[in-house]
Amino acid sequence: MKKINMIDSLIIILTFVLISCTGKGNKPEKEPVQLEASAIEVSIGGMTCLACEETIQRVVGKLEGIKSVKASFTVGNAIIEYFPGMIDSVKIKEAINGSGYTAKKCIIPQSDATVN
């Protein structure tokens, strides 16, 4: 049987340290947290053309917590998907109002509930 010398011992110790530090040992990996998006329909006053739609989509779309924005000047609204833990309807309405349009009211689609 072969004797384990000092270098072999150090290699074994370093291997265990590396496995422990990288988390590649027997520990189960944590599942990533998945956020569920909600949607609101915002009635918007002042949109008259495609450029207005693009402005709303750009302004609201750059807010943190927004998943998607689809504005329609012909209908006078925007459908906005957002992550409730990151942003709320008040901040969305403030962004719309700050861009020169009027956010009149927010309606939660699939429901009759209104968000003020």
Protein backbone atom coordinates (compact mmCIF):
# COMPACT_ATOMS: atom_id res chain seq x y z
CA MET A 1 0.00 0.00 0.00
CA LYS A 2 1.24 3.47 -0.89
CA LYS A 3 1.92 6.03 1.84
CA ILE A 4 0.11 9.35 1.63
CA ASN A 5 2.70 12.09 1.65
CA MET A 6 2.31 15.75 2.54
CA ILE A 7 1.59 16.87 -1.05
CA ASP A 8 -1.14 14.27 -1.50
CA SER A 9 -2.71 15.38 1.79
CA LEU A 10 -2.71 19.01 0.68
CA ILE A 11 -4.31 18.09 -2.66
CA ILE A 12 -7.09 16.21 -0.88
CA ILE A 13 -7.71 19.10 1.54
CA LEU A 14 -7.72 21.70 -1.25
CA THR A 15 -10.16 19.58 -3.25
CA PHE A 16 -12.61 19.51 -0.35
CA VAL A 17 -12.20 23.27 0.20
CA LEU A 18 -12.87 24.01 -3.48
CA ILE A 19 -15.94 21.79 -3.52
CA SER A 20 -17.27 23.53 -0.41
CA CYS A 21 -16.60 27.05 -1.70
CA THR A 22 -18.13 26.53 -5.12
CA GLY A 23 -21.31 25.02 -3.74
CA LYS A 24 -20.94 21.99 -6.01
CA GLY A 25 -21.12 19.57 -3.10
CA ASN A 26 -24.24 17.68 -2.11
CA LYS A 27 -26.23 20.85 -1.38
CA PRO A 28 -29.38 21.23 -3.51
CA GLU A 29 -29.42 24.37 -5.62
CA LYS A 30 -32.04 26.99 -4.78
CA GLU A 31 -34.84 27.47 -7.27
CA PRO A 32 -34.84 30.94 -8.83
CA VAL A 33 -37.64 33.17 -7.63
CA GLN A 34 -40.20 33.64 -10.36
CA LEU A 35 -42.35 36.74 -10.35
CA GLU A 36 -45.88 36.62 -11.64
CA ALA A 37 -46.94 39.57 -13.78
CA SER A 38 -50.28 41.33 -13.45
CA ALA A 39 -52.00 43.40 -16.11
CA ILE A 40 -53.92 46.67 -16.01
CA GLU A 41 -55.73 48.67 -18.65
CA VAL A 42 -55.13 52.40 -18.33
CA SER A 43 -57.54 54.81 -20.00
CA ILE A 44 -55.39 57.62 -21.46
CA GLY A 45 -56.44 61.04 -22.70
CA GLY A 46 -54.51 63.10 -25.24
CA MET A 47 -53.20 60.42 -27.59
CA THR A 48 -53.87 61.35 -31.23
CA CYS A 49 -51.38 59.36 -33.34
CA LEU A 50 -48.88 56.53 -33.58
CA ALA A 51 -46.15 58.75 -32.13
CA CYS A 52 -48.30 59.17 -29.01
CA GLU A 53 -48.55 55.38 -28.69
CA GLU A 54 -44.78 55.06 -29.06
CA THR A 55 -44.19 57.74 -26.42
CA ILE A 56 -46.43 55.95 -23.89
CA GLN A 57 -44.79 52.60 -24.66
CA ARG A 58 -41.29 54.07 -24.31
CA VAL A 59 -41.95 56.08 -21.13
CA VAL A 60 -43.83 53.35 -19.28
CA GLY A 61 -41.69 50.56 -20.73
CA LYS A 62 -38.48 51.94 -19.24
CA LEU A 63 -39.88 51.86 -15.69
CA GLU A 64 -38.44 49.14 -13.49
CA GLY A 65 -41.01 46.40 -12.99
CA ILE A 66 -42.74 46.74 -16.36
CA LYS A 67 -42.97 43.60 -18.49
CA SER A 68 -44.80 44.99 -21.54
CA VAL A 69 -46.82 47.98 -22.77
CA LYS A 70 -49.25 48.09 -25.68
CA ALA A 71 -50.80 51.53 -26.23
CA SER A 72 -53.59 52.33 -28.71
CA PHE A 73 -54.48 55.89 -29.65
CA THR A 74 -57.61 54.71 -31.49
CA VAL A 75 -58.99 53.07 -28.34
CA GLY A 76 -57.41 55.61 -25.99
CA ASN A 77 -55.79 53.14 -23.64
CA ALA A 78 -52.73 51.06 -22.82
CA ILE A 79 -52.54 47.47 -21.64
CA ILE A 80 -49.62 47.18 -19.25
CA GLU A 81 -48.12 44.03 -17.79
CA TYR A 82 -46.13 44.72 -14.62
CA PHE A 83 -44.68 43.02 -11.55
CA PRO A 84 -46.70 44.22 -8.50
CA GLY A 85 -43.82 43.79 -6.06
CA MET A 86 -41.67 46.16 -8.11
CA ILE A 87 -44.09 48.89 -9.23
CA ASP A 88 -47.70 49.92 -8.68
CA SER A 89 -50.46 51.60 -10.69
CA VAL A 90 -49.83 54.98 -9.05
CA LYS A 91 -46.26 55.14 -10.41
CA ILE A 92 -47.45 54.01 -13.82
CA LYS A 93 -50.10 56.76 -13.90
CA GLU A 94 -47.52 59.34 -12.74
CA ALA A 95 -45.21 58.37 -15.62
CA ILE A 96 -48.05 58.72 -18.14
CA ASN A 97 -49.11 62.09 -16.72
CA GLY A 98 -45.48 63.24 -16.67
CA SER A 99 -45.16 62.52 -20.39
CA GLY A 100 -47.94 64.99 -21.28
CA TYR A 101 -50.93 62.64 -21.41
CA THR A 102 -53.70 62.04 -18.89
CA ALA A 103 -54.03 58.67 -17.18
CA LYS A 104 -57.74 58.66 -16.39
CA LYS A 105 -58.28 55.33 -14.65
CA CYS A 106 -56.80 51.86 -14.32
CA ILE A 107 -58.92 48.77 -14.78
CA ILE A 108 -57.80 45.26 -13.99
CA PRO A 109 -58.70 43.14 -17.05
CA GLN A 110 -60.65 39.90 -16.43
CA SER A 111 -62.37 41.68 -13.56
CA ASP A 112 -64.66 44.61 -12.83
CA ALA A 113 -62.31 45.91 -10.12
CA THR A 114 -60.91 49.39 -10.68
CA VAL A 115 -57.48 50.48 -9.42
CA ASN A 116 -57.25 54.16 -8.51
